[in-house]
């Protein structure tokens, strides 16, 4: 084994690279969410879709189990991503002309 300080520096470098990739994926996800918001606005759909939210949570828990990781942690990540998605979609809808923004208002989670 090498010097612990060098080993930690290498591992921290790897973590920084992983974080860079992870944050780029989150950015890409939010760009996709902007397009989702545009489609929902055109269709007159509400931002929050309870069935979809439940499915995302189920998928997160299944992925955690698949990899031997904590389900609650993955579900919390999914919840944070969905909360940001709702904020982004609402921003997209607020920026559309009034005629395009005449669809149903956001409904509370059920």
Protein backbone atom coordinates (compact mmCIF):
# COMPACT_ATOMS: atom_id res chain seq x y z
CA UNK A 1 0.00 0.00 0.00
CA UNK A 2 1.14 3.51 -0.75
CA UNK A 3 1.11 6.65 1.26
CA UNK A 4 -2.37 7.19 2.78
CA UNK A 5 -2.32 10.89 1.85
CA UNK A 6 -1.61 10.08 -1.80
CA UNK A 7 -4.24 7.35 -1.79
CA UNK A 8 -6.82 9.74 -0.32
CA UNK A 9 -5.88 12.42 -2.85
CA UNK A 10 -6.39 9.92 -5.69
CA UNK A 11 -9.72 8.77 -4.29
CA UNK A 12 -10.88 12.35 -3.79
CA UNK A 13 -9.92 13.08 -7.38
CA UNK A 14 -12.09 10.15 -8.46
CA UNK A 15 -14.96 11.47 -6.34
CA UNK A 16 -14.60 14.91 -7.93
CA UNK A 17 -14.81 13.34 -11.40
CA UNK A 18 -17.88 11.32 -10.40
CA UNK A 19 -19.52 14.45 -8.95
CA UNK A 20 -18.81 16.36 -12.17
CA UNK A 21 -20.49 13.59 -14.19
CA UNK A 22 -23.39 13.33 -11.72
CA UNK A 23 -24.08 17.06 -11.78
CA UNK A 24 -23.90 17.08 -15.58
CA UNK A 25 -26.55 14.34 -15.63
CA UNK A 26 -28.76 16.33 -13.25
CA UNK A 27 -28.34 19.36 -15.55
CA UNK A 28 -29.34 17.21 -18.53
CA UNK A 29 -32.33 15.90 -16.57
CA UNK A 30 -33.50 19.46 -15.84
CA UNK A 31 -33.17 20.41 -19.50
CA UNK A 32 -35.39 17.44 -20.34
CA UNK A 33 -37.81 18.56 -17.61
CA UNK A 34 -38.05 21.97 -19.32
CA UNK A 35 -39.26 20.16 -22.44
CA UNK A 36 -41.68 18.09 -20.34
CA UNK A 37 -43.10 21.35 -18.96
CA UNK A 38 -43.60 22.69 -22.48
CA UNK A 39 -45.45 19.54 -23.54
CA UNK A 40 -47.63 19.58 -20.43
CA UNK A 41 -48.43 23.26 -20.97
CA UNK A 42 -49.46 22.64 -24.59
CA UNK A 43 -51.62 19.71 -23.48
CA UNK A 44 -53.18 21.64 -20.58
CA UNK A 45 -51.85 19.11 -18.08
CA UNK A 46 -51.07 19.77 -14.42
CA UNK A 47 -47.42 19.89 -13.41
CA UNK A 48 -47.73 17.36 -10.61
CA UNK A 49 -48.67 13.84 -11.72
CA UNK A 50 -49.15 11.66 -8.59
CA UNK A 51 -48.98 8.39 -10.52
CA UNK A 52 -45.68 9.33 -12.12
CA UNK A 53 -44.24 10.45 -8.79
CA UNK A 54 -45.10 7.11 -7.22
CA UNK A 55 -43.52 5.27 -10.15
CA UNK A 56 -40.28 7.28 -9.86
CA UNK A 57 -40.14 6.42 -6.14
CA UNK A 58 -40.73 2.72 -6.86
CA UNK A 59 -37.99 2.74 -9.50
CA UNK A 60 -35.57 4.47 -7.10
CA UNK A 61 -36.22 1.88 -4.39
CA UNK A 62 -35.79 -0.97 -6.89
CA UNK A 63 -32.48 0.45 -8.16
CA UNK A 64 -31.23 0.76 -4.58
CA UNK A 65 -32.12 -2.88 -3.85
CA UNK A 66 -30.52 -3.96 -7.12
CA UNK A 67 -27.21 -2.42 -6.06
CA UNK A 68 -27.37 -3.23 -2.34
CA UNK A 69 -27.86 0.42 -1.36
CA UNK A 70 -30.25 2.12 1.04
CA UNK A 71 -33.76 2.40 -0.44
CA UNK A 72 -34.70 5.39 1.70
CA UNK A 73 -31.67 7.32 0.48
CA UNK A 74 -32.50 6.65 -3.17
CA UNK A 75 -36.15 7.59 -2.63
CA UNK A 76 -35.05 10.86 -0.98
CA UNK A 77 -32.85 11.62 -4.00
CA UNK A 78 -35.81 10.89 -6.29
CA UNK A 79 -38.02 13.17 -4.17
CA UNK A 80 -35.48 15.99 -4.42
CA UNK A 81 -35.22 15.54 -8.17
CA UNK A 82 -39.01 15.61 -8.48
CA UNK A 83 -39.30 18.72 -6.30
CA UNK A 84 -36.81 20.50 -8.55
CA UNK A 85 -38.62 19.18 -11.62
CA UNK A 86 -41.87 20.69 -10.36
CA UNK A 87 -40.14 24.04 -9.77
CA UNK A 88 -38.62 23.97 -13.27
CA UNK A 89 -41.90 22.96 -14.94
CA UNK A 90 -43.79 25.72 -13.09
CA UNK A 91 -41.15 28.24 -14.22
CA UNK A 92 -41.56 27.05 -17.83
CA UNK A 93 -45.35 27.37 -17.60
CA UNK A 94 -45.10 30.83 -16.03
CA UNK A 95 -42.99 32.00 -18.98
CA UNK A 96 -45.50 30.91 -21.62
CA UNK A 97 -48.06 33.32 -23.07
CA UNK A 98 -51.37 33.35 -21.14
CA UNK A 99 -53.27 31.49 -23.90
CA UNK A 100 -50.81 28.59 -23.66
CA UNK A 101 -50.90 28.66 -19.87
CA UNK A 102 -54.65 28.19 -19.48
CA UNK A 103 -54.43 24.55 -18.42
CA UNK A 104 -55.23 23.15 -14.97
CA UNK A 105 -53.36 24.58 -12.03
CA UNK A 106 -50.86 22.50 -10.12
CA UNK A 107 -52.64 20.09 -7.82
CA UNK A 108 -51.28 19.18 -4.39
CA UNK A 109 -49.76 15.74 -3.88
CA UNK A 110 -52.24 13.01 -3.02
